[in-house]
Amino acid sequence: MTGAGPTVSATEPDWSREYKRPFAWDPSRSLLAAIRSYQRSRHPIRRKWAVLRHRFWAAVTGADIPINAKIGGGLLMPHPNGIVVHSDAQIGPNCLLMQQVTLGATEVGAPRLMGHVDCGAGAKILGPVTLQEHCKVGANAVVLTDVPAGATAVGVPAKIRPASHNPDDPDPRPA
């Protein structure tokens, strides 16, 4: 047994990752539920109620995620405090954002996370960068360039470690 769990899809959202049991204290999932409710509803009273819920859960979590954010299904935020998402940023399906993650825009654009991107605590993804499927961003990394599929970005500024990194090779970059 390898210990690896089932493969997470980069294209099909796993809505069970966002499921919240009724009356359960789960602030991050409650915040996402308010965002989804606002975006889904066209009824003015329901939208106002969703805005109130969004404001409440944003205050509880300390997360700054716009109510009209472009978020694919299956987003996980185990510790949502301090998460900041720019209104122009795009988050694909089944992504993971840890605490203090920032998806920030510059004058030229905002980040785009494709499917199943994992961002470690304190990561900053800034500007018009694209993080491809199944890539990872290390804790406190500052990503200013695109990250290819399956690769890992670590450091300040982030250096890209390819997906086929051999643990015995101290520096996988070409000579």
N, C-alpha and C. Protein backbone atom coordinates (compact mmCIF):
# COMPACT_ATOMS: atom_id res chain seq x y z
N MET A 1 0.84 -1.18 0.00
CA MET A 1 0.00 0.00 0.00
C MET A 1 0.89 1.24 0.00
N THR A 2 0.64 2.16 -0.89
CA THR A 2 1.49 3.34 -1.04
C THR A 2 1.10 4.47 -0.12
N GLY A 3 -0.12 4.46 0.39
CA GLY A 3 -0.57 5.54 1.26
C GLY A 3 -1.15 6.72 0.49
N ALA A 4 -1.03 6.67 -0.82
CA ALA A 4 -1.57 7.77 -1.63
C ALA A 4 -3.08 7.60 -1.75
N GLY A 5 -3.80 8.68 -1.60
CA GLY A 5 -5.25 8.65 -1.71
C GLY A 5 -5.68 8.64 -3.16
N PRO A 6 -6.98 8.67 -3.39
CA PRO A 6 -7.46 8.71 -4.76
C PRO A 6 -7.02 9.99 -5.46
N THR A 7 -6.83 9.88 -6.76
CA THR A 7 -6.41 11.03 -7.54
C THR A 7 -7.53 12.07 -7.59
N VAL A 8 -7.17 13.31 -7.34
CA VAL A 8 -8.14 14.41 -7.38
C VAL A 8 -8.18 14.95 -8.80
N SER A 9 -9.37 15.13 -9.33
CA SER A 9 -9.55 15.60 -10.69
C SER A 9 -9.20 17.08 -10.81
N ALA A 10 -8.62 17.43 -11.94
CA ALA A 10 -8.32 18.83 -12.23
C ALA A 10 -9.41 19.47 -13.09
N THR A 11 -10.40 18.66 -13.49
CA THR A 11 -11.45 19.19 -14.37
C THR A 11 -12.84 19.05 -13.79
N GLU A 12 -13.13 17.95 -13.10
CA GLU A 12 -14.46 17.71 -12.55
C GLU A 12 -14.50 18.11 -11.08
N PRO A 13 -15.32 19.10 -10.70
CA PRO A 13 -15.37 19.51 -9.31
C PRO A 13 -15.94 18.41 -8.40
N ASP A 14 -15.31 18.23 -7.26
CA ASP A 14 -15.79 17.30 -6.26
C ASP A 14 -16.56 18.11 -5.22
N TRP A 15 -17.86 18.23 -5.42
CA TRP A 15 -18.68 19.08 -4.56
C TRP A 15 -18.74 18.58 -3.13
N SER A 16 -18.42 17.32 -2.90
CA SER A 16 -18.43 16.81 -1.53
C SER A 16 -17.38 17.49 -0.67
N ARG A 17 -16.34 18.06 -1.29
CA ARG A 17 -15.31 18.78 -0.53
C ARG A 17 -15.87 20.05 0.11
N GLU A 18 -16.95 20.59 -0.44
CA GLU A 18 -17.57 21.81 0.09
C GLU A 18 -18.78 21.52 0.97
N TYR A 19 -19.17 20.25 1.09
CA TYR A 19 -20.38 19.91 1.83
C TYR A 19 -20.23 20.25 3.31
N LYS A 20 -21.27 20.88 3.86
CA LYS A 20 -21.31 21.21 5.28
C LYS A 20 -22.57 20.58 5.86
N ARG A 21 -22.38 19.82 6.93
CA ARG A 21 -23.55 19.26 7.61
C ARG A 21 -24.40 20.38 8.16
N PRO A 22 -25.73 20.22 8.15
CA PRO A 22 -26.60 21.26 8.69
C PRO A 22 -26.26 21.55 10.17
N PHE A 23 -26.18 22.81 10.49
CA PHE A 23 -25.90 23.31 11.83
C PHE A 23 -24.49 23.01 12.33
N ALA A 24 -23.61 22.52 11.47
CA ALA A 24 -22.22 22.27 11.86
C ALA A 24 -21.46 23.59 11.85
N TRP A 25 -20.55 23.76 12.80
CA TRP A 25 -19.70 24.94 12.83
C TRP A 25 -18.53 24.70 11.89
N ASP A 26 -18.64 25.23 10.70
CA ASP A 26 -17.62 25.07 9.67
C ASP A 26 -17.53 26.38 8.90
N PRO A 27 -16.81 27.37 9.45
CA PRO A 27 -16.81 28.72 8.86
C PRO A 27 -16.40 28.79 7.39
N SER A 28 -15.37 28.06 6.99
CA SER A 28 -14.93 28.18 5.59
C SER A 28 -15.98 27.65 4.63
N ARG A 29 -16.60 26.54 4.97
CA ARG A 29 -17.65 25.99 4.10
C ARG A 29 -18.89 26.87 4.14
N SER A 30 -19.17 27.50 5.28
CA SER A 30 -20.31 28.41 5.37
C SER A 30 -20.09 29.64 4.50
N LEU A 31 -18.85 30.15 4.48
CA LEU A 31 -18.52 31.28 3.62
C LEU A 31 -18.71 30.90 2.15
N LEU A 32 -18.21 29.74 1.77
CA LEU A 32 -18.39 29.28 0.39
C LEU A 32 -19.86 29.09 0.05
N ALA A 33 -20.64 28.57 1.01
CA ALA A 33 -22.07 28.37 0.77
C ALA A 33 -22.78 29.71 0.54
N ALA A 34 -22.38 30.75 1.26
CA ALA A 34 -22.98 32.07 1.05
C ALA A 34 -22.63 32.61 -0.33
N ILE A 35 -21.38 32.41 -0.75
CA ILE A 35 -20.95 32.86 -2.09
C ILE A 35 -21.73 32.11 -3.17
N ARG A 36 -21.82 30.79 -3.02
CA ARG A 36 -22.55 29.98 -4.00
C ARG A 36 -24.03 30.38 -4.04
N SER A 37 -24.61 30.63 -2.89
CA SER A 37 -26.03 31.01 -2.81
C SER A 37 -26.27 32.33 -3.54
N TYR A 38 -25.39 33.30 -3.33
CA TYR A 38 -25.51 34.60 -3.99
C TYR A 38 -25.41 34.43 -5.51
N GLN A 39 -24.42 33.67 -5.96
CA GLN A 39 -24.20 33.53 -7.39
C GLN A 39 -25.29 32.72 -8.08
N ARG A 40 -25.90 31.80 -7.36
CA ARG A 40 -26.93 30.93 -7.93
C ARG A 40 -28.29 31.61 -7.99
N SER A 41 -28.59 32.45 -7.01
CA SER A 41 -29.93 33.02 -6.87
C SER A 41 -30.12 34.28 -7.72
N ARG A 42 -31.33 34.45 -8.22
CA ARG A 42 -31.70 35.67 -8.95
C ARG A 42 -32.77 36.43 -8.18
N HIS A 43 -33.26 35.86 -7.11
CA HIS A 43 -34.30 36.47 -6.30
C HIS A 43 -33.67 37.53 -5.38
N PRO A 44 -34.15 38.78 -5.40
CA PRO A 44 -33.49 39.85 -4.65
C PRO A 44 -33.42 39.61 -3.14
N ILE A 45 -34.45 39.03 -2.55
CA ILE A 45 -34.42 38.78 -1.11
C ILE A 45 -33.38 37.71 -0.76
N ARG A 46 -33.32 36.66 -1.56
CA ARG A 46 -32.33 35.61 -1.32
C ARG A 46 -30.91 36.13 -1.50
N ARG A 47 -30.73 37.00 -2.48
CA ARG A 47 -29.40 37.57 -2.70
C ARG A 47 -28.99 38.46 -1.53
N LYS A 48 -29.93 39.25 -1.01
CA LYS A 48 -29.61 40.08 0.16
C LYS A 48 -29.27 39.23 1.37
N TRP A 49 -30.01 38.15 1.57
CA TRP A 49 -29.72 37.23 2.67
C TRP A 49 -28.33 36.61 2.48
N ALA A 50 -27.99 36.25 1.25
CA ALA A 50 -26.67 35.69 0.96
C ALA A 50 -25.57 36.71 1.23
N VAL A 51 -25.82 37.98 0.91
CA VAL A 51 -24.84 39.03 1.19
C VAL A 51 -24.61 39.16 2.70
N LEU A 52 -25.68 39.13 3.47
CA LEU A 52 -25.54 39.20 4.94
C LEU A 52 -24.76 38.01 5.48
N ARG A 53 -25.09 36.82 4.99
CA ARG A 53 -24.34 35.63 5.42
C ARG A 53 -22.88 35.73 5.02
N HIS A 54 -22.63 36.22 3.81
CA HIS A 54 -21.24 36.38 3.35
C HIS A 54 -20.47 37.33 4.26
N ARG A 55 -21.08 38.46 4.60
CA ARG A 55 -20.41 39.44 5.48
C ARG A 55 -20.11 38.83 6.85
N PHE A 56 -21.09 38.10 7.39
CA PHE A 56 -20.89 37.48 8.70
C PHE A 56 -19.74 36.48 8.66
N TRP A 57 -19.79 35.55 7.69
CA TRP A 57 -18.75 34.52 7.64
C TRP A 57 -17.40 35.07 7.22
N ALA A 58 -17.38 36.14 6.44
CA ALA A 58 -16.10 36.79 6.11
C ALA A 58 -15.48 37.39 7.37
N ALA A 59 -16.30 37.97 8.25
CA ALA A 59 -15.79 38.51 9.51
C ALA A 59 -15.31 37.39 10.43
N VAL A 60 -16.06 36.30 10.49
CA VAL A 60 -15.68 35.18 11.36
C VAL A 60 -14.38 34.55 10.88
N THR A 61 -14.25 34.33 9.58
CA THR A 61 -13.06 33.66 9.04
C THR A 61 -11.87 34.60 8.87
N GLY A 62 -12.13 35.89 8.71
CA GLY A 62 -11.04 36.81 8.41
C GLY A 62 -10.58 36.70 6.97
N ALA A 63 -11.40 36.07 6.13
CA ALA A 63 -11.06 35.91 4.71
C ALA A 63 -11.68 37.04 3.91
N ASP A 64 -10.95 37.51 2.90
CA ASP A 64 -11.44 38.56 2.01
C ASP A 64 -11.62 37.96 0.62
N ILE A 65 -12.79 37.34 0.44
CA ILE A 65 -13.12 36.71 -0.84
C ILE A 65 -14.37 37.40 -1.36
N PRO A 66 -14.29 38.05 -2.52
CA PRO A 66 -15.46 38.76 -3.04
C PRO A 66 -16.63 37.81 -3.28
N ILE A 67 -17.83 38.32 -3.10
CA ILE A 67 -19.03 37.51 -3.27
C ILE A 67 -19.24 37.09 -4.73
N ASN A 68 -18.61 37.81 -5.65
CA ASN A 68 -18.73 37.46 -7.07
C ASN A 68 -17.46 36.80 -7.60
N ALA A 69 -16.66 36.21 -6.70
CA ALA A 69 -15.40 35.57 -7.10
C ALA A 69 -15.65 34.40 -8.04
N LYS A 70 -14.70 34.18 -8.95
CA LYS A 70 -14.79 33.08 -9.91
C LYS A 70 -14.09 31.86 -9.29
N ILE A 71 -14.90 30.99 -8.67
CA ILE A 71 -14.36 29.85 -7.93
C ILE A 71 -14.97 28.57 -8.47
N GLY A 72 -14.12 27.64 -8.91
CA GLY A 72 -14.59 26.33 -9.33
C GLY A 72 -15.02 25.52 -8.12
N GLY A 73 -15.78 24.47 -8.35
CA GLY A 73 -16.28 23.65 -7.26
C GLY A 73 -15.19 22.87 -6.56
N GLY A 74 -15.46 22.50 -5.32
CA GLY A 74 -14.54 21.67 -4.57
C GLY A 74 -13.40 22.41 -3.90
N LEU A 75 -13.52 23.72 -3.71
CA LEU A 75 -12.47 24.48 -3.04
C LEU A 75 -12.39 24.08 -1.57
N LEU A 76 -11.17 23.88 -1.09
CA LEU A 76 -10.93 23.60 0.33
C LEU A 76 -10.14 24.74 0.94
N MET A 77 -10.59 25.19 2.10
CA MET A 77 -9.87 26.19 2.89
C MET A 77 -9.88 25.71 4.35
N PRO A 78 -8.99 24.79 4.71
CA PRO A 78 -9.03 24.24 6.06
C PRO A 78 -8.87 25.29 7.16
N HIS A 79 -8.06 26.29 6.91
CA HIS A 79 -7.84 27.38 7.87
C HIS A 79 -8.00 28.68 7.10
N PRO A 80 -9.22 29.23 7.01
CA PRO A 80 -9.47 30.34 6.09
C PRO A 80 -8.98 31.71 6.54
N ASN A 81 -8.42 31.82 7.75
CA ASN A 81 -8.06 33.15 8.22
C ASN A 81 -6.99 33.79 7.34
N GLY A 82 -7.25 35.03 6.95
CA GLY A 82 -6.28 35.81 6.20
C GLY A 82 -6.21 35.51 4.71
N ILE A 83 -7.08 34.69 4.18
CA ILE A 83 -7.07 34.42 2.74
C ILE A 83 -7.62 35.65 2.01
N VAL A 84 -6.88 36.11 0.99
CA VAL A 84 -7.29 37.27 0.20
C VAL A 84 -7.32 36.86 -1.27
N VAL A 85 -8.48 37.08 -1.90
CA VAL A 85 -8.63 36.74 -3.32
C VAL A 85 -9.09 38.01 -4.04
N HIS A 86 -8.34 38.42 -5.05
CA HIS A 86 -8.72 39.57 -5.86
C HIS A 86 -9.97 39.22 -6.66
N SER A 87 -10.80 40.20 -6.93
CA SER A 87 -12.06 39.96 -7.64
C SER A 87 -11.85 39.46 -9.07
N ASP A 88 -10.69 39.72 -9.67
CA ASP A 88 -10.42 39.25 -11.03
C ASP A 88 -9.70 37.90 -11.06
N ALA A 89 -9.29 37.39 -9.91
CA ALA A 89 -8.60 36.10 -9.87
C ALA A 89 -9.58 34.98 -10.20
N GLN A 90 -9.05 33.89 -10.75
CA GLN A 90 -9.88 32.73 -11.08
C GLN A 90 -9.30 31.51 -10.38
N ILE A 91 -10.19 30.73 -9.75
CA ILE A 91 -9.79 29.53 -9.04
C ILE A 91 -10.50 28.35 -9.68
N GLY A 92 -9.73 27.37 -10.13
CA GLY A 92 -10.30 26.20 -10.78
C GLY A 92 -10.87 25.20 -9.79
N PRO A 93 -11.36 24.07 -10.31
CA PRO A 93 -11.97 23.08 -9.43
C PRO A 93 -10.95 22.37 -8.54
N ASN A 94 -11.42 22.00 -7.34
CA ASN A 94 -10.69 21.16 -6.39
C ASN A 94 -9.36 21.75 -5.93
N CYS A 95 -9.29 23.06 -5.79
CA CYS A 95 -8.07 23.70 -5.30
C CYS A 95 -8.05 23.70 -3.77
N LEU A 96 -6.88 23.95 -3.20
CA LEU A 96 -6.69 24.02 -1.76
C LEU A 96 -5.96 25.31 -1.44
N LEU A 97 -6.54 26.14 -0.58
CA LEU A 97 -5.89 27.36 -0.13
C LEU A 97 -5.73 27.29 1.38
N MET A 98 -4.50 27.33 1.85
CA MET A 98 -4.25 27.34 3.30
C MET A 98 -4.32 28.78 3.81
N GLN A 99 -4.09 28.96 5.10
CA GLN A 99 -4.22 30.28 5.71
C GLN A 99 -3.22 31.28 5.13
N GLN A 100 -3.64 32.54 5.10
CA GLN A 100 -2.82 33.68 4.69
C GLN A 100 -2.41 33.65 3.21
N VAL A 101 -3.10 32.89 2.38
CA VAL A 101 -2.81 32.87 0.93
C VAL A 101 -3.39 34.13 0.30
N THR A 102 -2.62 34.74 -0.59
CA THR A 102 -3.07 35.93 -1.32
C THR A 102 -3.02 35.66 -2.81
N LEU A 103 -4.13 35.90 -3.48
CA LEU A 103 -4.19 35.89 -4.95
C LEU A 103 -4.40 37.33 -5.35
N GLY A 104 -3.31 38.04 -5.64
CA GLY A 104 -3.37 39.47 -5.86
C GLY A 104 -3.09 39.88 -7.29
N ALA A 105 -3.74 40.94 -7.70
CA ALA A 105 -3.57 41.46 -9.06
C ALA A 105 -2.54 42.58 -9.09
N THR A 106 -2.00 42.81 -10.26
CA THR A 106 -1.16 43.97 -10.53
C THR A 106 -1.87 44.78 -11.61
N GLU A 107 -1.19 45.80 -12.13
CA GLU A 107 -1.80 46.64 -13.16
C GLU A 107 -2.14 45.84 -14.41
N VAL A 108 -1.44 44.74 -14.64
CA VAL A 108 -1.61 44.00 -15.89
C VAL A 108 -2.49 42.76 -15.78
N GLY A 109 -2.91 42.38 -14.59
CA GLY A 109 -3.80 41.23 -14.49
C GLY A 109 -3.77 40.53 -13.15
N ALA A 110 -4.58 39.47 -13.07
CA ALA A 110 -4.74 38.72 -11.83
C ALA A 110 -4.39 37.24 -12.08
N PRO A 111 -4.12 36.50 -11.01
CA PRO A 111 -3.75 35.09 -11.16
C PRO A 111 -4.91 34.22 -11.59
N ARG A 112 -4.52 33.08 -12.19
CA ARG A 112 -5.50 32.07 -12.59
C ARG A 112 -4.98 30.71 -12.14
N LEU A 113 -5.72 30.07 -11.26
CA LEU A 113 -5.37 28.74 -10.79
C LEU A 113 -6.22 27.74 -11.56
N MET A 114 -5.58 26.79 -12.20
CA MET A 114 -6.31 25.75 -12.93
C MET A 114 -6.76 24.71 -11.91
N GLY A 115 -7.10 23.51 -12.34
CA GLY A 115 -7.64 22.50 -11.46
C GLY A 115 -6.63 21.87 -10.53
N HIS A 116 -7.06 21.59 -9.30
CA HIS A 116 -6.30 20.93 -8.25
C HIS A 116 -4.93 21.56 -8.02
N VAL A 117 -4.93 22.83 -7.68
CA VAL A 117 -3.72 23.55 -7.30
C VAL A 117 -3.73 23.68 -5.78
N ASP A 118 -2.63 23.29 -5.14
CA ASP A 118 -2.52 23.37 -3.69
C ASP A 118 -1.58 24.51 -3.32
N CYS A 119 -2.06 25.46 -2.50
CA CYS A 119 -1.27 26.61 -2.08
C CYS A 119 -1.00 26.52 -0.59
N GLY A 120 0.27 26.48 -0.22
CA GLY A 120 0.66 26.38 1.18
C GLY A 120 0.44 27.67 1.94
N ALA A 121 0.54 27.58 3.25
CA ALA A 121 0.29 28.72 4.13
C ALA A 121 1.18 29.91 3.78
N GLY A 122 0.57 31.07 3.68
CA GLY A 122 1.31 32.30 3.44
C GLY A 122 1.75 32.53 2.01
N ALA A 123 1.37 31.67 1.09
CA ALA A 123 1.77 31.83 -0.31
C ALA A 123 1.15 33.08 -0.91
N LYS A 124 1.92 33.76 -1.74
CA LYS A 124 1.45 34.95 -2.45
C LYS A 124 1.60 34.70 -3.94
N ILE A 125 0.48 34.75 -4.66
CA ILE A 125 0.49 34.57 -6.11
C ILE A 125 0.04 35.91 -6.69
N LEU A 126 0.95 36.57 -7.37
CA LEU A 126 0.73 37.97 -7.76
C LEU A 126 0.84 38.17 -9.26
N GLY A 127 -0.09 38.93 -9.81
CA GLY A 127 -0.04 39.31 -11.21
C GLY A 127 -0.70 38.30 -12.11
N PRO A 128 -0.54 38.50 -13.43
CA PRO A 128 -1.24 37.65 -14.41
C PRO A 128 -0.53 36.32 -14.64
N VAL A 129 -0.39 35.52 -13.60
CA VAL A 129 0.28 34.23 -13.72
C VAL A 129 -0.76 33.12 -13.78
N THR A 130 -0.38 32.02 -14.41
CA THR A 130 -1.24 30.85 -14.49
C THR A 130 -0.56 29.68 -13.81
N LEU A 131 -1.26 29.05 -12.88
CA LEU A 131 -0.76 27.86 -12.21
C LEU A 131 -1.53 26.69 -12.81
N GLN A 132 -0.81 25.84 -13.53
CA GLN A 132 -1.44 24.74 -14.27
C GLN A 132 -1.90 23.62 -13.34
N GLU A 133 -2.56 22.62 -13.90
CA GLU A 133 -3.16 21.53 -13.15
C GLU A 133 -2.16 20.81 -12.27
N HIS A 134 -2.63 20.41 -11.09
CA HIS A 134 -1.90 19.57 -10.14
C HIS A 134 -0.57 20.17 -9.68
N CYS A 135 -0.41 21.48 -9.74
CA CYS A 135 0.84 22.05 -9.24
C CYS A 135 0.67 22.43 -7.77
N LYS A 136 1.80 22.68 -7.12
CA LYS A 136 1.80 23.03 -5.71
C LYS A 136 2.62 24.29 -5.50
N VAL A 137 2.20 25.08 -4.51
CA VAL A 137 2.94 26.29 -4.13
C VAL A 137 3.33 26.11 -2.68
N GLY A 138 4.62 26.20 -2.40
CA GLY A 138 5.10 26.00 -1.04
C GLY A 138 4.71 27.13 -0.10
N ALA A 139 4.82 26.84 1.18
CA ALA A 139 4.48 27.84 2.20
C ALA A 139 5.36 29.07 2.04
N ASN A 140 4.74 30.24 2.12
CA ASN A 140 5.40 31.54 2.05
C ASN A 140 6.10 31.83 0.72
N ALA A 141 5.82 31.05 -0.30
CA ALA A 141 6.40 31.32 -1.62
C ALA A 141 5.73 32.55 -2.23
N VAL A 142 6.50 33.28 -3.05
CA VAL A 142 5.97 34.43 -3.77
C VAL A 142 6.08 34.10 -5.26
N VAL A 143 4.94 33.79 -5.87
CA VAL A 143 4.91 33.34 -7.26
C VAL A 143 4.65 34.53 -8.17
N LEU A 144 5.60 34.78 -9.08
CA LEU A 144 5.50 35.89 -10.03
C LEU A 144 5.54 35.42 -11.47
N THR A 145 5.72 34.10 -11.68
CA THR A 145 5.77 33.53 -13.03
C THR A 145 4.85 32.32 -13.11
N ASP A 146 4.53 31.91 -14.33
CA ASP A 146 3.67 30.75 -14.53
C ASP A 146 4.31 29.49 -13.94
N VAL A 147 3.46 28.57 -13.48
CA VAL A 147 3.92 27.30 -12.93
C VAL A 147 3.33 26.19 -13.80
N PRO A 148 4.19 25.34 -14.39
CA PRO A 148 3.67 24.28 -15.27
C PRO A 148 2.94 23.18 -14.49
N ALA A 149 2.22 22.36 -15.22
CA ALA A 149 1.43 21.28 -14.62
C ALA A 149 2.31 20.34 -13.81
N GLY A 150 1.87 20.03 -12.61
CA GLY A 150 2.55 19.07 -11.76
C GLY A 150 3.79 19.59 -11.05
N ALA A 151 4.22 20.80 -11.35
CA ALA A 151 5.44 21.34 -10.76
C ALA A 151 5.16 21.93 -9.38
N THR A 152 6.24 22.27 -8.67
CA THR A 152 6.14 22.87 -7.35
C THR A 152 6.91 24.18 -7.36
N ALA A 153 6.30 25.24 -6.83
CA ALA A 153 6.96 26.55 -6.74
C ALA A 153 7.31 26.79 -5.27
N VAL A 154 8.58 27.08 -5.01
CA VAL A 154 9.03 27.33 -3.64
C VAL A 154 9.99 28.51 -3.61
N GLY A 155 9.98 29.25 -2.51
CA GLY A 155 10.95 30.31 -2.29
C GLY A 155 10.42 31.69 -2.59
N VAL A 156 11.32 32.68 -2.35
CA VAL A 156 11.00 34.08 -2.57
C VAL A 156 12.14 34.69 -3.37
N PRO A 157 11.93 35.09 -4.62
CA PRO A 157 10.79 34.76 -5.47
C PRO A 157 10.80 33.27 -5.76
N ALA A 158 9.65 32.72 -6.12
CA ALA A 158 9.50 31.28 -6.28
C ALA A 158 10.35 30.74 -7.42
N LYS A 159 10.99 29.62 -7.13
CA LYS A 159 11.70 28.85 -8.15
C LYS A 159 10.83 27.64 -8.44
N ILE A 160 10.85 27.22 -9.69
CA ILE A 160 9.99 26.12 -10.13
C ILE A 160 10.77 24.82 -10.07
N ARG A 161 10.22 23.85 -9.36
CA ARG A 161 10.78 22.50 -9.30
C ARG A 161 9.90 21.62 -10.17
N PRO A 162 10.49 20.97 -11.19
CA PRO A 162 9.68 20.16 -12.11
C PRO A 162 9.00 18.99 -11.40
N ALA A 163 7.95 18.47 -12.03
CA ALA A 163 7.18 17.37 -11.46
C ALA A 163 8.02 16.10 -11.33
N SER A 164 8.95 15.91 -12.23
CA SER A 164 9.76 14.68 -12.23
C SER A 164 11.03 14.84 -11.40
N HIS A 165 10.96 15.62 -10.34
CA HIS A 165 12.12 15.86 -9.48
C HIS A 165 12.59 14.57 -8.83
N ASN A 166 13.85 14.24 -9.01
CA ASN A 166 14.46 13.09 -8.37
C ASN A 166 14.99 13.52 -7.02
N PRO A 167 14.57 12.88 -5.92
CA PRO A 167 15.01 13.32 -4.59
C PRO A 167 16.52 13.24 -4.39
N ASP A 168 17.23 12.39 -5.19
CA ASP A 168 18.68 12.28 -5.06
C ASP A 168 19.42 13.40 -5.78
N ASP A 169 18.72 14.14 -6.64
CA ASP A 169 19.32 15.22 -7.40
C ASP A 169 19.13 16.53 -6.60
N PRO A 170 20.23 17.13 -6.10
CA PRO A 170 20.07 18.33 -5.26
C PRO A 170 19.52 19.53 -5.99
N ASP A 171 19.76 19.66 -7.29
CA ASP A 171 19.26 20.80 -8.04
C ASP A 171 18.75 20.32 -9.39
N PRO A 172 17.41 20.20 -9.54
CA PRO A 172 16.86 19.64 -10.78
C PRO A 172 16.90 20.56 -11.98
N ARG A 173 17.37 21.80 -11.80
CA ARG A 173 17.40 22.73 -12.95
C ARG A 173 18.50 22.32 -13.92
N PRO A 174 18.28 22.50 -15.20
CA PRO A 174 19.31 22.16 -16.19
C PRO A 174 20.55 23.02 -16.01
N ALA A 175 21.69 22.45 -16.33
CA ALA A 175 22.96 23.16 -16.17
C ALA A 175 23.15 24.23 -17.20
